[in-house]
Amino acid sequence: IIMAHAKPTQDHQDFFIPFRNYVKNELQNSYPIMYLHGDGHKFIYTPHFFNQSNVLRIQHEGGVRDPVLKILADPSKQNGSVYNAFQYDRQL
């Protein structure tokens, strides 16, 4: 799980282009990765982030309007799939 504030925009390509290339070329989508961030101030769930099968992006509302976002990462359920490795509960 990579936690950050910045949403992926042109202003942050110095990070996101090498990150995408690393996941694709070095890791070869072998490991599930969640990119968890705020910055957009609304909830977004994006599977296949960066057109990579094992990258999931969650943008959390943040602030005090929404309850705490619960994330469960279970490496024993990875099986090479981001859907098995991560679960979330918005508590709404």
Protein backbone atom coordinates (compact mmCIF):
# COMPACT_ATOMS: atom_id res chain seq x y z
CA ILE A 1 0.00 0.00 0.00
CA ILE A 2 1.39 3.35 -1.04
CA MET A 3 -0.19 6.23 0.85
CA ALA A 4 0.11 9.77 -0.42
CA HIS A 5 -1.76 13.02 -0.75
CA ALA A 6 -1.24 13.77 -4.43
CA LYS A 7 -3.68 12.61 -7.05
CA PRO A 8 -2.08 11.66 -10.35
CA THR A 9 -1.97 14.74 -12.55
CA GLN A 10 0.45 16.22 -15.06
CA ASP A 11 2.11 18.09 -12.17
CA HIS A 12 3.17 14.77 -10.62
CA GLN A 13 4.38 12.86 -13.68
CA ASP A 14 7.95 12.81 -12.33
CA PHE A 15 6.67 10.24 -9.83
CA PHE A 16 3.85 8.47 -11.67
CA ILE A 17 5.58 7.67 -14.97
CA PRO A 18 8.55 5.89 -13.29
CA PHE A 19 6.13 4.21 -10.85
CA ARG A 20 3.97 2.84 -13.67
CA ASN A 21 7.05 1.66 -15.57
CA TYR A 22 8.44 -0.04 -12.46
CA VAL A 23 5.19 -1.92 -11.84
CA LYS A 24 4.92 -2.96 -15.47
CA ASN A 25 8.54 -3.72 -16.37
CA GLU A 26 10.25 -4.69 -13.12
CA LEU A 27 7.45 -6.20 -11.04
CA GLN A 28 5.60 -7.44 -14.15
CA ASN A 29 2.31 -7.01 -12.27
CA SER A 30 3.31 -9.86 -9.94
CA TYR A 31 2.33 -8.05 -6.74
CA PRO A 32 -0.92 -6.33 -5.84
CA ILE A 33 -0.43 -2.62 -5.18
CA MET A 34 -2.87 -0.12 -3.73
CA TYR A 35 -2.28 3.59 -4.24
CA LEU A 36 -4.29 5.33 -1.50
CA HIS A 37 -4.54 9.11 -1.53
CA GLY A 38 -6.67 12.13 -0.73
CA ASP A 39 -6.37 15.42 -2.62
CA GLY A 40 -9.56 14.97 -4.69
CA HIS A 41 -11.98 15.26 -1.77
CA LYS A 42 -14.35 12.58 -3.07
CA PHE A 43 -14.27 8.79 -3.02
CA ILE A 44 -12.95 7.10 -6.18
CA TYR A 45 -12.24 3.39 -6.67
CA THR A 46 -10.11 2.70 -9.77
CA PRO A 47 -9.13 -0.88 -10.56
CA HIS A 48 -6.51 -1.45 -13.29
CA PHE A 49 -4.96 1.92 -12.44
CA PHE A 50 -2.40 3.03 -15.05
CA ASN A 51 -3.76 0.16 -17.19
CA GLN A 52 -1.95 -2.26 -14.88
CA SER A 53 -3.94 -5.30 -13.78
CA ASN A 54 -2.58 -5.41 -10.22
CA VAL A 55 -2.73 -1.72 -9.34
CA LEU A 56 -5.76 -0.36 -7.50
CA ARG A 57 -6.26 3.31 -6.72
CA ILE A 58 -8.51 4.53 -3.93
CA GLN A 59 -9.02 8.23 -3.43
CA HIS A 60 -10.51 8.86 0.00
CA GLU A 61 -12.82 11.72 0.87
CA GLY A 62 -10.72 12.79 3.83
CA GLY A 63 -11.47 15.62 6.19
CA VAL A 64 -14.16 15.16 8.82
CA ARG A 65 -17.17 14.52 6.56
CA ASP A 66 -16.70 10.77 6.07
CA PRO A 67 -15.88 8.09 8.64
CA VAL A 68 -12.44 6.54 8.77
CA LEU A 69 -11.71 4.31 5.77
CA LYS A 70 -10.81 0.77 6.88
CA ILE A 71 -8.39 -1.16 4.71
CA LEU A 72 -7.62 -4.86 5.09
CA ALA A 73 -4.49 -6.14 3.37
CA ASP A 74 -4.25 -9.92 3.48
CA PRO A 75 -1.10 -11.27 1.84
CA SER A 76 -2.29 -14.84 2.30
CA LYS A 77 -5.09 -14.13 -0.20
CA GLN A 78 -2.96 -12.43 -2.84
CA ASN A 79 -3.04 -15.13 -5.52
CA GLY A 80 -1.61 -12.46 -7.80
CA SER A 81 -4.83 -10.44 -7.71
CA VAL A 82 -5.40 -6.98 -6.31
CA TYR A 83 -9.06 -7.92 -5.71
CA ASN A 84 -8.09 -10.71 -3.30
CA ALA A 85 -5.31 -8.83 -1.53
CA PHE A 86 -7.23 -5.69 -0.50
CA GLN A 87 -10.64 -5.06 1.00
CA TYR A 88 -12.06 -1.74 2.16
CA ASP A 89 -14.94 -0.52 4.28
CA ARG A 90 -16.13 3.09 4.00
CA GLN A 91 -18.36 2.67 7.11
CA LEU A 92 -21.16 4.71 5.56
